[in-house]
Amino acid sequence: MSPHQKPWAKGLESLCLIKLKELGGTATAHTLAAAILQPMANVSPRMNALAIAGLVRDTGRRVSEGRGRPLIVWTLADADAVHILAPEPALKAHQIDLLARLDAMPARERGYLLNAVQQR
């Protein structure tokens, strides 16, 4: 994990791969975001990271969904890509959402919360 990568990013990448396979192996980041109940701002960078890792690829097709630029249609680069990145069960969408919220919390509040959890 790079020092600038969010701690929940790998779990979200695994979830994107699994959902992409469930959707037939081809989808836009917008479709994936809706399917896993995550904001597009979290999913789109993960798809780019997966493409750099060689696990998904751009089909070359674009889909226009209203305003903004057309969306990339992604596909699995390898049918076994899901198992390469996620040998264990992936984090669930609500777990990733919780980790993302913790990451966005001010450090002081996050410290209070983590101390309370550790004391249980």
Protein backbone atom coordinates (compact mmCIF):
# COMPACT_ATOMS: atom_id res chain seq x y z
CA MET A 1 0.00 0.00 0.00
CA SER A 2 1.43 3.37 -0.95
CA PRO A 3 1.72 6.00 1.80
CA HIS A 4 -0.94 8.13 0.09
CA GLN A 5 -3.46 5.32 -0.35
CA LYS A 6 -6.44 5.18 1.97
CA PRO A 7 -6.41 2.15 4.30
CA TRP A 8 -9.75 0.94 2.93
CA ALA A 9 -8.75 1.20 -0.73
CA LYS A 10 -7.66 -2.44 -1.19
CA GLY A 11 -10.94 -3.70 0.26
CA LEU A 12 -12.87 -1.48 -2.13
CA GLU A 13 -10.77 -2.70 -5.05
CA SER A 14 -11.62 -6.29 -4.10
CA LEU A 15 -15.29 -5.43 -3.84
CA CYS A 16 -15.20 -3.72 -7.28
CA LEU A 17 -13.61 -6.81 -8.85
CA ILE A 18 -16.13 -9.17 -7.29
CA LYS A 19 -19.08 -6.98 -8.32
CA LEU A 20 -17.66 -6.55 -11.84
CA LYS A 21 -17.54 -10.33 -12.19
CA GLU A 22 -21.12 -10.62 -10.83
CA LEU A 23 -22.30 -8.04 -13.39
CA GLY A 24 -21.02 -10.18 -16.24
CA GLY A 25 -17.47 -8.86 -16.36
CA THR A 26 -18.26 -5.48 -17.96
CA ALA A 27 -19.52 -2.25 -16.33
CA THR A 28 -18.86 1.45 -15.86
CA ALA A 29 -17.52 2.84 -12.58
CA HIS A 30 -20.92 4.53 -12.13
CA THR A 31 -22.72 1.18 -12.40
CA LEU A 32 -20.28 -0.40 -9.94
CA ALA A 33 -20.64 2.50 -7.51
CA ALA A 34 -24.42 2.11 -7.53
CA ALA A 35 -24.17 -1.67 -7.14
CA ILE A 36 -21.89 -1.50 -4.09
CA LEU A 37 -23.50 1.62 -2.59
CA GLN A 38 -20.34 3.72 -2.73
CA PRO A 39 -19.82 7.22 -4.11
CA MET A 40 -18.39 7.48 -7.60
CA ALA A 41 -15.51 9.51 -6.10
CA ASN A 42 -14.39 6.38 -4.22
CA VAL A 43 -14.89 3.87 -7.04
CA SER A 44 -13.40 5.67 -10.04
CA PRO A 45 -9.85 5.93 -8.62
CA ARG A 46 -10.01 2.27 -7.61
CA MET A 47 -10.82 1.27 -11.19
CA ASN A 48 -7.82 3.25 -12.42
CA ALA A 49 -5.63 1.50 -9.82
CA LEU A 50 -6.98 -1.89 -10.92
CA ALA A 51 -6.21 -1.00 -14.55
CA ILE A 52 -2.63 -0.05 -13.64
CA ALA A 53 -2.33 -3.39 -11.80
CA GLY A 54 -3.52 -5.16 -14.97
CA LEU A 55 -6.64 -6.63 -13.36
CA VAL A 56 -9.19 -4.66 -15.41
CA ARG A 57 -8.94 -2.93 -18.76
CA ASP A 58 -10.67 -0.19 -20.68
CA THR A 59 -12.83 -1.73 -23.43
CA GLY A 60 -12.52 1.42 -25.52
CA ARG A 61 -16.27 1.94 -25.36
CA ARG A 62 -17.82 5.00 -23.72
CA VAL A 63 -21.33 5.44 -22.32
CA SER A 64 -22.97 8.81 -21.89
CA GLU A 65 -25.12 9.07 -18.77
CA GLY A 66 -26.40 12.62 -18.72
CA ARG A 67 -24.07 15.51 -18.02
CA GLY A 68 -20.32 15.22 -17.88
CA ARG A 69 -17.94 13.27 -20.01
CA PRO A 70 -18.78 9.78 -21.23
CA LEU A 71 -17.94 6.95 -18.82
CA ILE A 72 -15.35 4.27 -19.49
CA VAL A 73 -16.70 0.74 -19.86
CA TRP A 74 -14.37 -1.53 -17.86
CA THR A 75 -13.90 -5.27 -18.24
CA LEU A 76 -11.98 -7.91 -16.30
CA ALA A 77 -8.55 -8.40 -17.84
CA ASP A 78 -8.45 -11.97 -16.56
CA ALA A 79 -11.28 -14.24 -15.42
CA ASP A 80 -9.19 -15.16 -12.36
CA ALA A 81 -8.49 -11.52 -11.44
CA VAL A 82 -10.94 -11.72 -8.54
CA HIS A 83 -8.96 -14.53 -6.93
CA ILE A 84 -5.60 -12.80 -7.51
CA LEU A 85 -6.54 -9.72 -5.50
CA ALA A 86 -9.11 -11.14 -3.10
CA PRO A 87 -8.25 -14.67 -1.99
CA GLU A 88 -10.27 -14.07 1.20
CA PRO A 89 -13.82 -12.73 1.25
CA ALA A 90 -13.86 -9.03 0.39
CA LEU A 91 -15.00 -6.40 2.81
CA LYS A 92 -18.70 -5.66 2.62
CA ALA A 93 -19.84 -2.27 1.35
CA HIS A 94 -20.97 -1.11 4.81
CA GLN A 95 -17.56 -2.04 6.28
CA ILE A 96 -15.76 -0.02 3.61
CA ASP A 97 -18.14 2.88 4.22
CA LEU A 98 -17.37 2.75 7.95
CA LEU A 99 -13.61 2.71 7.30
CA ALA A 100 -13.93 5.64 4.88
CA ARG A 101 -15.91 7.61 7.50
CA LEU A 102 -13.29 6.84 10.15
CA ASP A 103 -10.58 7.98 7.76
CA ALA A 104 -12.43 11.28 7.18
CA MET A 105 -12.86 11.96 10.92
CA PRO A 106 -10.65 14.54 12.61
CA ALA A 107 -7.71 12.77 14.30
CA ARG A 108 -8.83 13.72 17.80
CA GLU A 109 -12.34 12.27 17.38
CA ARG A 110 -10.95 9.16 15.71
CA GLY A 111 -8.58 8.69 18.67
CA TYR A 112 -11.44 8.93 21.18
CA LEU A 113 -13.45 6.39 19.21
CA LEU A 114 -10.58 3.92 18.82
CA ASN A 115 -9.73 4.17 22.53
CA ALA A 116 -13.35 3.44 23.45
CA VAL A 117 -13.39 0.38 21.16
CA GLN A 118 -10.10 -0.94 22.58
CA GLN A 119 -11.38 -0.67 26.16
CA ARG A 120 -14.36 -2.95 25.41
